[in-house]
C-alpha atoms as a PDB file:
ATOM      1  CA  MET A   1     -31.199  -5.660 -13.111  1.00  0.00           C
ATOM      2  CA  GLY A   2     -33.327  -4.695 -10.105  1.00  0.00           C
ATOM      3  CA  ARG A   3     -32.232  -2.596  -7.177  1.00  0.00           C
ATOM      4  CA  GLU A   4     -32.129  -5.653  -4.889  1.00  0.00           C
ATOM      5  CA  GLU A   5     -29.666  -7.335  -7.252  1.00  0.00           C
ATOM      6  CA  ARG A   6     -27.350  -4.299  -7.227  1.00  0.00           C
ATOM      7  CA  MET A   7     -27.490  -3.699  -3.468  1.00  0.00           C
ATOM      8  CA  LYS A   8     -25.176  -6.057  -1.688  1.00  0.00           C
ATOM      9  CA  PRO A   9     -25.105  -6.260   2.099  1.00  0.00           C
ATOM     10  CA  LEU A  10     -22.699  -3.965   3.882  1.00  0.00           C
ATOM     11  CA  LEU A  11     -20.121  -5.555   6.156  1.00  0.00           C
ATOM     12  CA  LYS A  12     -19.659  -4.660   9.807  1.00  0.00           C
ATOM     13  CA  PRO A  13     -16.144  -3.702  10.966  1.00  0.00           C
ATOM     14  CA  ALA A  14     -15.620  -7.103  12.619  1.00  0.00           C
ATOM     15  CA  GLU A  15     -16.556  -8.874   9.366  1.00  0.00           C
ATOM     16  CA  ALA A  16     -14.284  -6.633   7.295  1.00  0.00           C
ATOM     17  CA  ALA A  17     -11.444  -7.168   9.777  1.00  0.00           C
ATOM     18  CA  ARG A  18     -11.887 -10.921   9.610  1.00  0.00           C
ATOM     19  CA  MET A  19     -11.798 -10.850   5.796  1.00  0.00           C
ATOM     20  CA  LEU A  20      -8.539  -8.870   5.790  1.00  0.00           C
ATOM     21  CA  GLY A  21      -7.014 -10.729   8.722  1.00  0.00           C
ATOM     22  CA  VAL A  22      -6.551  -7.606  10.836  1.00  0.00           C
ATOM     23  CA  SER A  23      -8.010  -6.313  14.093  1.00  0.00           C
ATOM     24  CA  ARG A  24     -11.204  -4.301  14.328  1.00  0.00           C
ATOM     25  CA  SER A  25      -9.210  -1.308  15.573  1.00  0.00           C
ATOM     26  CA  GLN A  26      -7.013  -1.542  12.456  1.00  0.00           C
ATOM     27  CA  ILE A  27     -10.129  -1.455  10.248  1.00  0.00           C
ATOM     28  CA  TYR A  28     -11.319   1.682  12.057  1.00  0.00           C
ATOM     29  CA  HIS A  29      -7.862   3.213  11.600  1.00  0.00           C
ATOM     30  CA  LEU A  30      -7.839   2.411   7.860  1.00  0.00           C
ATOM     31  CA  ALA A  31     -11.268   4.008   7.495  1.00  0.00           C
ATOM     32  CA  ALA A  32     -10.356   7.095   9.545  1.00  0.00           C
ATOM     33  CA  THR A  33      -7.187   7.731   7.526  1.00  0.00           C
ATOM     34  CA  GLY A  34      -8.941   7.243   4.182  1.00  0.00           C
ATOM     35  CA  GLU A  35      -6.924   4.120   3.335  1.00  0.00           C
ATOM     36  CA  ILE A  36     -10.101   2.114   2.828  1.00  0.00           C
ATOM     37  CA  ALA A  37     -13.456   3.377   1.585  1.00  0.00           C
ATOM     38  CA  HIS A  38     -16.371   3.049   3.962  1.00  0.00           C
ATOM     39  CA  VAL A  39     -20.009   3.988   4.419  1.00  0.00           C
ATOM     40  CA  ARG A  40     -21.408   5.865   7.393  1.00  0.00           C
ATOM     41  CA  VAL A  41     -24.854   4.686   8.467  1.00  0.00           C
ATOM     42  CA  GLY A  42     -25.766   6.978  11.317  1.00  0.00           C
ATOM     43  CA  HIS A  43     -22.958   6.518  13.838  1.00  0.00           C
ATOM     44  CA  SER A  44     -21.990   3.134  12.402  1.00  0.00           C
ATOM     45  CA  VAL A  45     -19.243   2.351   9.900  1.00  0.00           C
ATOM     46  CA  ARG A  46     -19.881  -0.250   7.211  1.00  0.00           C
ATOM     47  CA  PHE A  47     -17.829  -1.597   4.318  1.00  0.00           C
ATOM     48  CA  ARG A  48     -18.649  -2.779   0.817  1.00  0.00           C
ATOM     49  CA  LEU A  49     -17.019  -6.012  -0.315  1.00  0.00           C
ATOM     50  CA  GLU A  50     -15.950  -4.249  -3.529  1.00  0.00           C
ATOM     51  CA  ASP A  51     -14.074  -1.631  -1.507  1.00  0.00           C
ATOM     52  CA  LEU A  52     -12.232  -4.309   0.477  1.00  0.00           C
ATOM     53  CA  GLU A  53     -11.252  -6.033  -2.768  1.00  0.00           C
ATOM     54  CA  ARG A  54     -10.072  -2.707  -4.231  1.00  0.00           C
ATOM     55  CA  TYR A  55      -7.985  -2.050  -1.109  1.00  0.00           C
ATOM     56  CA  ILE A  56      -6.363  -5.469  -1.444  1.00  0.00           C
ATOM     57  CA  GLU A  57      -5.503  -4.866  -5.104  1.00  0.00           C
ATOM     58  CA  ARG A  58      -3.995  -1.450  -4.342  1.00  0.00           C
ATOM     59  CA  ARG A  59      -1.837  -2.908  -1.572  1.00  0.00           C
ATOM     60  CA  ARG A  60      -0.752  -5.993  -3.522  1.00  0.00           C
ATOM     61  CA  VAL A  61       2.976  -6.344  -4.109  1.00  0.00           C
ATOM     62  CA  ALA A  62       3.755  -8.257  -7.300  1.00  0.00           C
ATOM     63  CA  ALA A  63       6.084 -11.223  -7.184  1.00  0.00           C
ATOM     64  CA  ALA A  64       9.445 -10.861  -8.930  1.00  0.00           C
ATOM     65  CA  TRP A  65       8.479 -13.407 -11.584  1.00  0.00           C
ATOM     66  CA  GLU A  66       5.331 -11.522 -12.609  1.00  0.00           C
ATOM     67  CA  GLU A  67       5.385  -9.296 -15.662  1.00  0.00           C
ATOM     68  CA  GLU A  68       6.199  -5.689 -14.787  1.00  0.00           C
ATOM     69  CA  PRO A  69       3.697  -3.010 -15.768  1.00  0.00           C
ATOM     70  CA  PRO A  70       4.651  -0.621 -18.587  1.00  0.00           C
ATOM     71  CA  GLY A  71       6.684   2.333 -17.336  1.00  0.00           C
ATOM     72  CA  SER A  72       7.847   0.476 -14.250  1.00  0.00           C
ATOM     73  CA  LEU A  73      11.053   1.771 -12.708  1.00  0.00           C
ATOM     74  CA  ARG A  74      12.028  -1.694 -11.497  1.00  0.00           C
ATOM     75  CA  GLY A  75      14.094  -4.058 -13.563  1.00  0.00           C
ATOM     76  CA  GLY A  76      16.343  -1.622 -15.381  1.00  0.00           C
ATOM     77  CA  GLY A  77      13.642   0.308 -17.182  1.00  0.00           C
ATOM     78  CA  GLY A  78      14.729   3.605 -15.635  1.00  0.00           C
ATOM     79  CA  CYS A  79      17.618   5.932 -16.274  1.00  0.00           C
ATOM     80  CA  GLU A  80      21.080   4.542 -16.645  1.00  0.00           C
ATOM     81  CA  ALA A  81      24.218   6.139 -15.286  1.00  0.00           C
ATOM     82  CA  GLY A  82      26.570   6.879 -17.903  1.00  0.00           C
END
């Protein structure tokens, strides 16, 4: 695989905001607080699509009908009073 195939275009804040359905100022806030990974190019901030997807997965809340992950404290898997 060549370098061109690995290098995907970086997204501008407005593009990243549009993809997440938030404002541009919210994207800047997420980057400044370390909530979302970003790339500094000079004075500009850019985002990788992979980092946006990773952010979405980290923030995803599972539906009640989905299988719970091992060790989950939800659904009675924790300590019982007794």
